Amino acid sequence: MQLYKNFFKLVKAYRLSIIIAVIIMIVYAVSMIISAPYQIDKEGDSASEKNVNYKNLGVLFRDNDESELSAGIRKMLESYGSVEDDKTSSDETINDILYFSISDYFVEVPEHFQEKIDAGEEISLSYSSHSQVSGKTFSFVNDIDSFVNIYRSYRAMGLDAETAVSKALSTTVSDVTFGVVSEKKESLHTNTREYATYMVLNYFCFICLWVLGMTVASVIITGNKKEIAARVDAAPVRPIRKTISQMAGLMTCAGCMIAIYVIFSYIYAGSTDLMRQYGWVVILNLITTTFYLCGFTLLVSSFNLKTGTLSLICNAVGLFMCFLCGVFVPFYFMSSGVQAFAHFLPFFWTTKVFNTIYPGSGMNYTFSVGNIFGSFGVQILFGLVFVMISIVIKKIKQGKAA
């Protein structure tokens, strides 16, 4: 008990740093509340149908057939924009021309093209584009293929090649527009208060690590200094008892943060589905999160680090896990390899719980009590591992001191 009281005596010496950290935490929450309506409005925007004019395209054309049909194809291409003849460029050069948008398309007419079309054989033009699957490409290729098919039909009716080309051109060439329809995007975030609360809770692991690791950890490091530690070691106090006292002090500080977050969530978003249905999940997730963060803080503070080094470690670890575990960037944007690796980081299990109970997270997790408590269990295991390593380090250091 005396060690526990001594912990908070040291906390008083760092109250200014703790107050600054709490202020930053509040400023972040306020910024989320202010920005939430704009985020929802942005995602609710819809686009209407519009016509895009494709008459300013650049086409690189290679005619290996030199026939009336290939001449007709070239004339049709001119309705799209500028056409440049090319007979000598290598495939690599053409790829570079398309990649750097010097030309939009490369069209090649194979040898004996008209001859095989007139004979009813299957043969096609060669198309290349930097954007192979765009709507623009589809419209472009579809219109040219239609021209060739119309020519084929006129030839089957007995018309000569020149007349068939002329009629096919008059039938095919038009304003060359392509309708683009963008459906109204389904808004992931439908409730401003719920979304803002979800964002504040999702950042809890980083904020809590920042507060504990960069302020409260300094208290433990001060308690581990030679002058103070010598007094404790002189008394019949085992390392495990010292560790438990420090862990209890950390959990008490973390408990204050949990209380702030829970009170805020219920006051601001108590009527939303997130808190009305899953409030108990939020509270338990905050508790298990603070448990492993306190364990990590205890582990880091086992080393007599300077304030600058402590800040560097906590920031590096926190940012690293935030980026990989879906705190800063939605988790579904990550590659499969990163997603698999994230399972070995504690932040992942915290965010997984919040992403499960919030339908707008985009993760499509299925809620079940078993899965939720499984995530809680993994977080507790991380915390126990951190605490056990801290105890071992303290025993080793005490043994060397003896």
Protein backbone atom coordinates (compact mmCIF):
# COMPACT_ATOMS: atom_id res chain seq x y z
CA MET A 1 0.00 0.00 0.00
CA GLN A 2 2.84 2.33 0.81
CA LEU A 3 4.37 1.78 -2.63
CA TYR A 4 1.00 2.53 -4.22
CA LYS A 5 0.73 5.81 -2.28
CA ASN A 6 4.32 6.66 -3.15
CA PHE A 7 3.45 6.25 -6.84
CA PHE A 8 0.91 9.07 -6.68
CA LYS A 9 3.23 11.29 -4.69
CA LEU A 10 5.56 11.09 -7.68
CA VAL A 11 2.65 11.67 -10.06
CA LYS A 12 2.09 15.10 -8.51
CA ALA A 13 5.55 16.15 -9.67
CA TYR A 14 4.50 15.44 -13.29
CA ARG A 15 0.97 16.88 -13.06
CA LEU A 16 1.73 19.61 -15.62
CA SER A 17 2.69 17.06 -18.28
CA ILE A 18 -0.39 15.00 -17.51
CA ILE A 19 -2.65 18.07 -17.73
CA ILE A 20 -1.16 18.98 -21.12
CA ALA A 21 -1.73 15.41 -22.35
CA VAL A 22 -5.36 15.50 -21.21
CA ILE A 23 -5.90 18.84 -22.94
CA ILE A 24 -4.54 17.39 -26.18
CA MET A 25 -6.90 14.43 -25.76
CA ILE A 26 -9.86 16.79 -25.35
CA VAL A 27 -8.82 18.91 -28.35
CA TYR A 28 -8.70 15.79 -30.52
CA ALA A 29 -12.18 14.72 -29.40
CA VAL A 30 -13.56 18.18 -30.17
CA SER A 31 -11.94 18.16 -33.62
CA MET A 32 -13.60 14.82 -34.39
CA ILE A 33 -16.98 16.17 -33.34
CA ILE A 34 -16.57 19.26 -35.52
CA SER A 35 -15.34 17.36 -38.61
CA ALA A 36 -17.85 14.49 -38.46
CA PRO A 37 -20.73 16.30 -40.24
CA TYR A 38 -18.45 17.29 -43.13
CA GLN A 39 -17.25 13.71 -43.52
CA ILE A 40 -20.80 12.37 -43.69
CA ASP A 41 -21.87 15.06 -46.18
CA LYS A 42 -18.87 14.23 -48.36
CA GLU A 43 -19.74 10.54 -48.47
CA GLY A 44 -23.38 11.25 -49.21
CA ASP A 45 -22.68 13.17 -52.40
CA SER A 46 -24.12 11.76 -55.60
CA ALA A 47 -23.20 12.26 -59.25
CA SER A 48 -25.66 12.64 -62.11
CA GLU A 49 -25.43 11.30 -65.64
CA LYS A 50 -23.28 13.31 -68.00
CA ASN A 51 -21.88 13.04 -71.52
CA VAL A 52 -18.15 13.11 -72.09
CA ASN A 53 -16.89 14.26 -75.50
CA TYR A 54 -14.02 12.18 -76.87
CA LYS A 55 -13.18 14.25 -79.94
CA ASN A 56 -9.81 15.37 -78.66
CA LEU A 57 -8.05 12.04 -78.56
CA GLY A 58 -4.64 11.31 -80.00
CA VAL A 59 -4.39 8.06 -81.96
CA LEU A 60 -1.26 6.33 -83.22
CA PHE A 61 -2.20 4.34 -86.33
CA ARG A 62 -0.31 1.58 -88.14
CA ASP A 63 -1.74 0.32 -91.43
CA ASN A 64 -0.26 -3.01 -92.52
CA ASP A 65 -3.04 -3.68 -95.03
CA GLU A 66 -3.18 -0.52 -97.20
CA SER A 67 -6.74 -1.36 -98.26
CA GLU A 68 -9.95 0.59 -98.72
CA LEU A 69 -11.21 -0.80 -95.39
CA SER A 70 -8.08 0.27 -93.50
CA ALA A 71 -8.35 3.72 -95.11
CA GLY A 72 -11.95 3.87 -93.88
CA ILE A 73 -10.82 2.94 -90.38
CA ARG A 74 -8.28 5.76 -90.43
CA LYS A 75 -10.93 8.21 -91.59
CA MET A 76 -13.19 7.14 -88.76
CA LEU A 77 -10.36 7.58 -86.25
CA GLU A 78 -10.02 11.18 -87.42
CA SER A 79 -13.51 11.83 -86.01
CA TYR A 80 -12.04 11.24 -82.55
CA GLY A 81 -9.17 13.68 -82.87
CA SER A 82 -5.69 13.67 -84.34
CA VAL A 83 -4.28 10.57 -86.05
CA GLU A 84 -0.57 9.99 -86.51
CA ASP A 85 0.73 7.25 -88.80
CA ASP A 86 3.45 5.01 -87.45
CA LYS A 87 5.23 2.10 -89.11
CA THR A 88 8.59 1.83 -87.42
CA SER A 89 8.25 2.32 -83.64
CA SER A 90 9.06 -0.67 -81.46
CA ASP A 91 6.58 -2.12 -78.98
CA GLU A 92 8.58 -0.62 -76.12
CA THR A 93 8.48 2.83 -77.69
CA ILE A 94 4.73 2.58 -78.26
CA ASN A 95 4.21 1.53 -74.63
CA ASP A 96 6.17 4.60 -73.50
CA ILE A 97 4.15 6.87 -75.80
CA LEU A 98 0.91 5.55 -74.30
CA TYR A 99 2.17 5.54 -70.71
CA PHE A 100 3.23 9.19 -70.83
CA SER A 101 -0.04 10.09 -72.62
CA ILE A 102 1.70 11.40 -75.74
CA SER A 103 -1.03 9.47 -77.56
CA ASP A 104 -4.17 7.95 -76.08
CA TYR A 105 -4.45 4.87 -78.28
CA PHE A 106 -2.48 2.71 -80.66
CA VAL A 107 -4.47 0.95 -83.39
CA GLU A 108 -2.88 -1.56 -85.78
CA VAL A 109 -4.49 -3.05 -88.87
CA PRO A 110 -3.02 -6.50 -89.62
CA GLU A 111 -1.99 -7.65 -93.09
CA HIS A 112 -4.73 -9.02 -95.38
CA PHE A 113 -7.34 -7.55 -93.06
CA GLN A 114 -9.88 -6.57 -95.73
CA GLU A 115 -9.27 -9.77 -97.65
CA LYS A 116 -10.10 -11.92 -94.63
CA ILE A 117 -13.11 -9.78 -93.68
CA ASP A 118 -14.50 -10.14 -97.22
CA ALA A 119 -13.92 -13.88 -97.03
CA GLY A 120 -15.90 -14.10 -93.77
CA GLU A 121 -12.89 -15.14 -91.70
CA GLU A 122 -12.36 -14.10 -88.09
CA ILE A 123 -9.73 -11.37 -87.71
CA SER A 124 -9.54 -8.34 -85.47
CA LEU A 125 -7.69 -5.08 -85.06
CA SER A 126 -5.03 -4.63 -82.39
CA TYR A 127 -5.71 -1.98 -79.74
CA SER A 128 -3.43 -0.62 -77.05
CA SER A 129 -4.13 1.97 -74.37
CA HIS A 130 -2.66 3.01 -71.04
CA SER A 131 -6.13 2.74 -69.46
CA GLN A 132 -7.22 -0.64 -70.74
CA VAL A 133 -10.44 -0.95 -68.71
CA SER A 134 -11.79 2.61 -68.77
CA GLY A 135 -15.19 3.58 -70.14
CA LYS A 136 -13.37 5.70 -72.70
CA THR A 137 -11.56 2.62 -74.04
CA PHE A 138 -14.76 0.62 -74.20
CA SER A 139 -16.55 3.29 -76.22
CA PHE A 140 -13.61 3.76 -78.56
CA VAL A 141 -13.11 0.06 -79.34
CA ASN A 142 -16.84 -0.66 -79.55
CA ASP A 143 -17.43 2.03 -82.17
CA ILE A 144 -14.55 0.90 -84.40
CA ASP A 145 -15.60 -2.74 -84.19
CA SER A 146 -19.14 -1.67 -85.09
CA PHE A 147 -17.79 0.09 -88.17
CA VAL A 148 -15.99 -3.08 -89.29
CA ASN A 149 -19.08 -5.23 -88.67
CA ILE A 150 -21.30 -2.83 -90.63
CA TYR A 151 -18.80 -2.93 -93.50
CA ARG A 152 -18.91 -6.73 -93.34
CA SER A 153 -22.72 -6.66 -93.60
CA TYR A 154 -22.72 -4.36 -96.62
CA ARG A 155 -20.19 -6.57 -98.37
CA ALA A 156 -22.40 -9.59 -97.68
CA MET A 157 -25.22 -7.70 -99.40
CA GLY A 158 -23.09 -7.53 -102.56
CA LEU A 159 -21.82 -3.95 -102.40
CA ASP A 160 -18.29 -3.22 -103.52
CA ALA A 161 -15.61 -2.32 -100.95
CA GLU A 162 -15.60 1.44 -101.63
CA THR A 163 -19.39 1.74 -101.31
CA ALA A 164 -19.47 -0.49 -98.22
CA VAL A 165 -16.84 1.70 -96.52
CA SER A 166 -18.72 4.89 -97.40
CA LYS A 167 -22.05 3.60 -96.08
CA ALA A 168 -20.42 2.18 -92.94
CA LEU A 169 -18.83 5.58 -92.22
CA SER A 170 -22.10 7.45 -92.67
CA THR A 171 -23.82 4.97 -90.36
CA THR A 172 -21.18 4.85 -87.63
CA VAL A 173 -19.69 8.33 -87.32
CA SER A 174 -21.62 10.39 -84.79
CA ASP A 175 -20.95 12.84 -81.99
CA VAL A 176 -18.81 10.21 -80.30
CA THR A 177 -20.00 10.68 -76.74
CA PHE A 178 -20.18 8.23 -73.91
CA GLY A 179 -22.70 8.40 -71.09
CA VAL A 180 -21.18 8.22 -67.63
CA VAL A 181 -23.50 7.33 -64.77
CA SER A 182 -22.30 7.45 -61.20
CA GLU A 183 -24.73 5.93 -58.70
CA LYS A 184 -25.28 7.64 -55.41
CA LYS A 185 -22.64 6.37 -53.04
CA GLU A 186 -23.93 4.41 -50.09
CA SER A 187 -22.92 6.39 -47.07
CA LEU A 188 -20.97 4.33 -44.56
CA HIS A 189 -21.51 6.86 -41.79
CA THR A 190 -25.16 7.77 -41.33
CA ASN A 191 -25.13 9.27 -37.85
CA THR A 192 -22.86 12.19 -37.02
CA ARG A 193 -22.67 11.51 -33.28
CA GLU A 194 -22.09 7.79 -33.77
CA TYR A 195 -19.31 8.37 -36.30
CA ALA A 196 -17.54 10.98 -34.15
CA THR A 197 -17.72 8.67 -31.11
CA TYR A 198 -16.37 5.75 -33.14
CA MET A 199 -13.40 7.85 -34.28
CA VAL A 200 -12.66 9.07 -30.76
CA LEU A 201 -12.82 5.52 -29.39
CA ASN A 202 -10.74 4.14 -32.25
CA TYR A 203 -7.92 6.54 -31.38
CA PHE A 204 -8.10 5.65 -27.68
CA CYS A 205 -5.25 3.13 -27.86
CA PHE A 206 -2.87 5.72 -29.33
CA ILE A 207 -3.95 8.53 -26.99
CA CYS A 208 -3.74 6.26 -23.95
CA LEU A 209 -0.27 5.05 -24.92
CA TRP A 210 0.78 8.65 -25.41
CA VAL A 211 -0.51 9.74 -22.00
CA LEU A 212 0.81 6.73 -20.08
CA GLY A 213 4.03 6.20 -21.99
CA MET A 214 5.18 9.80 -22.18
CA THR A 215 4.00 11.09 -18.79
CA VAL A 216 3.15 8.40 -16.25
CA ALA A 217 6.09 6.23 -17.34
CA SER A 218 8.40 9.03 -16.25
CA VAL A 219 6.98 8.62 -12.74
CA ILE A 220 8.00 4.96 -12.67
CA ILE A 221 11.43 5.74 -14.08
CA THR A 222 11.89 8.32 -11.33
CA GLY A 223 10.90 5.69 -8.78
CA ASN A 224 13.49 3.35 -10.27
CA LYS A 225 16.31 5.84 -9.82
CA LYS A 226 19.15 4.68 -7.65
CA GLU A 227 18.36 6.86 -4.62
CA ILE A 228 14.68 5.89 -4.38
CA ALA A 229 15.10 2.31 -5.52
CA ALA A 230 17.78 1.72 -2.88
CA ARG A 231 15.33 2.60 -0.12
CA VAL A 232 12.70 0.23 -1.50
CA ASP A 233 15.18 -2.58 -2.04
CA ALA A 234 16.47 -2.16 1.50
CA ALA A 235 13.00 -2.98 2.77
CA PRO A 236 11.57 -6.52 2.56
CA VAL A 237 9.84 -5.80 -0.76
CA ARG A 238 9.95 -8.39 -3.51
CA PRO A 239 10.28 -7.23 -7.15
CA ILE A 240 6.89 -8.71 -8.00
CA ARG A 241 5.22 -6.62 -5.28
CA LYS A 242 6.91 -3.50 -6.57
CA THR A 243 5.75 -4.32 -10.09
CA ILE A 244 2.18 -4.95 -8.94
CA SER A 245 2.12 -1.61 -7.08
CA GLN A 246 3.33 0.22 -10.16
CA MET A 247 0.84 -1.65 -12.34
CA ALA A 248 -1.96 -0.71 -9.93
CA GLY A 249 -0.91 2.93 -10.12
CA LEU A 250 -0.90 2.80 -13.92
CA MET A 251 -4.32 1.15 -14.01
CA THR A 252 -5.69 3.80 -11.66
CA CYS A 253 -4.48 6.55 -14.02
CA ALA A 254 -5.86 4.61 -16.98
CA GLY A 255 -9.14 4.18 -15.11
CA CYS A 256 -9.52 7.94 -15.00
CA MET A 257 -9.11 8.03 -18.79
CA ILE A 258 -11.67 5.25 -19.19
CA ALA A 259 -14.13 7.20 -17.06
CA ILE A 260 -13.64 10.31 -19.22
CA TYR A 261 -14.20 8.36 -22.45
CA VAL A 262 -17.24 6.46 -21.13
CA ILE A 263 -18.89 9.61 -19.76
CA PHE A 264 -18.25 11.44 -23.03
CA SER A 265 -19.60 8.54 -25.13
CA TYR A 266 -22.84 8.24 -23.17
CA ILE A 267 -23.46 11.99 -22.94
CA TYR A 268 -22.67 12.68 -26.60
CA ALA A 269 -23.89 9.48 -28.28
CA GLY A 270 -25.94 7.63 -25.66
CA SER A 271 -28.98 7.49 -27.95
CA THR A 272 -27.11 5.91 -30.88
CA ASP A 273 -27.02 2.18 -31.61
CA LEU A 274 -23.29 2.12 -30.88
CA MET A 275 -23.71 3.00 -27.21
CA ARG A 276 -27.29 1.81 -26.62
CA GLN A 277 -26.62 -1.73 -27.86
CA TYR A 278 -22.88 -2.11 -27.41
CA GLY A 279 -22.01 0.21 -24.55
CA TRP A 280 -20.88 -2.75 -22.43
CA VAL A 281 -18.53 -3.83 -25.24
CA VAL A 282 -17.03 -0.34 -25.41
CA ILE A 283 -16.35 -0.28 -21.66
CA LEU A 284 -14.77 -3.75 -21.59
CA ASN A 285 -12.68 -2.97 -24.65
CA LEU A 286 -11.36 0.20 -23.03
CA ILE A 287 -10.46 -1.77 -19.89
CA THR A 288 -8.60 -4.55 -21.74
CA THR A 289 -6.86 -1.98 -23.92
CA THR A 290 -5.59 -0.04 -20.93
CA PHE A 291 -4.43 -3.29 -19.33
CA TYR A 292 -1.97 -4.15 -22.08
CA LEU A 293 -0.97 -0.50 -22.50
CA CYS A 294 -0.19 -0.32 -18.77
CA GLY A 295 1.82 -3.52 -19.13
CA PHE A 296 3.75 -2.05 -22.05
CA THR A 297 4.35 1.19 -20.12
CA LEU A 298 5.62 -0.86 -17.17
CA LEU A 299 7.95 -2.75 -19.50
CA VAL A 300 9.37 0.38 -21.10
CA SER A 301 9.83 2.06 -17.74
CA SER A 302 11.88 -0.91 -16.52
CA PHE A 303 14.77 0.69 -18.34
CA ASN A 304 16.23 3.94 -17.02
CA LEU A 305 15.44 5.91 -20.15
CA LYS A 306 15.72 9.63 -20.59
CA THR A 307 12.61 11.65 -21.41
CA GLY A 308 13.61 12.13 -25.05
CA THR A 309 14.29 8.42 -25.55
CA LEU A 310 11.03 7.47 -23.83
CA SER A 311 9.10 9.85 -26.07
CA LEU A 312 10.80 8.45 -29.18
CA ILE A 313 9.99 4.84 -28.28
CA CYS A 314 6.35 5.49 -27.40
CA ASN A 315 5.76 7.59 -30.52
CA ALA A 316 7.48 5.09 -32.80
CA VAL A 317 5.61 2.09 -31.38
CA GLY A 318 2.29 3.91 -31.30
CA LEU A 319 2.51 5.26 -34.85
CA PHE A 320 3.79 1.93 -36.19
CA MET A 321 0.82 0.00 -34.77
CA CYS A 322 -1.68 2.72 -35.69
CA PHE A 323 -0.71 2.60 -39.36
CA LEU A 324 -0.67 -1.21 -39.55
CA CYS A 325 -3.74 -1.92 -37.44
CA GLY A 326 -6.28 0.35 -39.09
CA VAL A 327 -6.31 3.31 -36.71
CA PHE A 328 -4.96 5.97 -39.08
CA VAL A 329 -5.83 4.20 -42.35
CA PRO A 330 -8.89 1.94 -42.86
CA PHE A 331 -7.76 -1.65 -42.41
CA TYR A 332 -9.35 -2.86 -45.66
CA PHE A 333 -6.87 -0.70 -47.61
CA MET A 334 -3.99 -2.82 -46.34
CA SER A 335 -2.49 -5.69 -48.32
CA SER A 336 -3.20 -9.26 -47.24
CA GLY A 337 0.35 -9.59 -45.89
CA VAL A 338 0.01 -6.51 -43.70
CA GLN A 339 -3.40 -7.67 -42.47
CA ALA A 340 -1.95 -11.03 -41.47
CA PHE A 341 0.99 -9.40 -39.67
CA ALA A 342 -1.32 -6.99 -37.81
CA HIS A 343 -2.82 -9.92 -35.88
CA PHE A 344 0.43 -10.08 -33.90
CA LEU A 345 0.02 -6.48 -32.69
CA PRO A 346 -2.24 -5.56 -29.74
CA PHE A 347 -3.74 -2.47 -31.39
CA PHE A 348 -5.35 -4.72 -34.00
CA TRP A 349 -7.53 -6.45 -31.40
CA THR A 350 -8.69 -3.15 -29.95
CA THR A 351 -9.69 -1.75 -33.34
CA LYS A 352 -11.25 -5.08 -34.36
CA VAL A 353 -13.75 -4.82 -31.51
CA PHE A 354 -14.69 -1.23 -32.40
CA ASN A 355 -14.89 -2.13 -36.10
CA THR A 356 -17.19 -5.03 -35.21
CA ILE A 357 -19.73 -3.00 -33.25
CA TYR A 358 -19.69 -0.02 -35.65
CA PRO A 359 -21.35 -0.99 -38.98
CA GLY A 360 -19.81 1.96 -40.83
CA SER A 361 -16.24 0.70 -40.35
CA GLY A 362 -16.34 -1.08 -43.73
CA MET A 363 -14.84 -4.27 -42.28
CA ASN A 364 -18.08 -6.32 -42.31
CA TYR A 365 -17.17 -8.21 -39.15
CA THR A 366 -19.94 -10.41 -37.75
CA PHE A 367 -20.80 -9.64 -34.15
CA SER A 368 -20.78 -12.54 -31.72
CA VAL A 369 -20.07 -12.65 -27.99
CA GLY A 370 -17.49 -15.39 -28.56
CA ASN A 371 -15.49 -13.31 -31.06
CA ILE A 372 -15.67 -10.22 -28.86
CA PHE A 373 -14.43 -12.03 -25.76
CA GLY A 374 -11.78 -13.75 -27.88
CA SER A 375 -10.41 -10.30 -28.78
CA PHE A 376 -10.54 -9.31 -25.10
CA GLY A 377 -8.60 -12.44 -24.20
CA VAL A 378 -5.84 -11.72 -26.70
CA GLN A 379 -5.45 -8.19 -25.31
CA ILE A 380 -5.19 -9.55 -21.75
CA LEU A 381 -2.53 -12.04 -22.87
CA PHE A 382 -0.48 -9.20 -24.36
CA GLY A 383 -0.75 -7.34 -21.06
CA LEU A 384 0.31 -10.38 -19.02
CA VAL A 385 3.31 -10.95 -21.27
CA PHE A 386 4.44 -7.33 -20.84
CA VAL A 387 4.03 -7.54 -17.05
CA MET A 388 5.92 -10.84 -16.79
CA ILE A 389 8.82 -9.52 -18.86
CA SER A 390 8.91 -6.44 -16.66
CA ILE A 391 9.11 -8.59 -13.51
CA VAL A 392 11.96 -10.64 -14.99
CA ILE A 393 13.89 -7.47 -15.87
CA LYS A 394 13.43 -6.09 -12.36
CA LYS A 395 14.66 -9.35 -10.83
CA ILE A 396 17.72 -9.34 -13.05
CA LYS A 397 18.49 -5.72 -12.21
CA GLN A 398 18.00 -6.33 -8.48
CA GLY A 399 20.26 -9.36 -8.64
CA LYS A 400 23.02 -7.35 -10.32
CA ALA A 401 22.64 -4.59 -7.75
CA ALA A 402 23.08 -7.12 -4.95
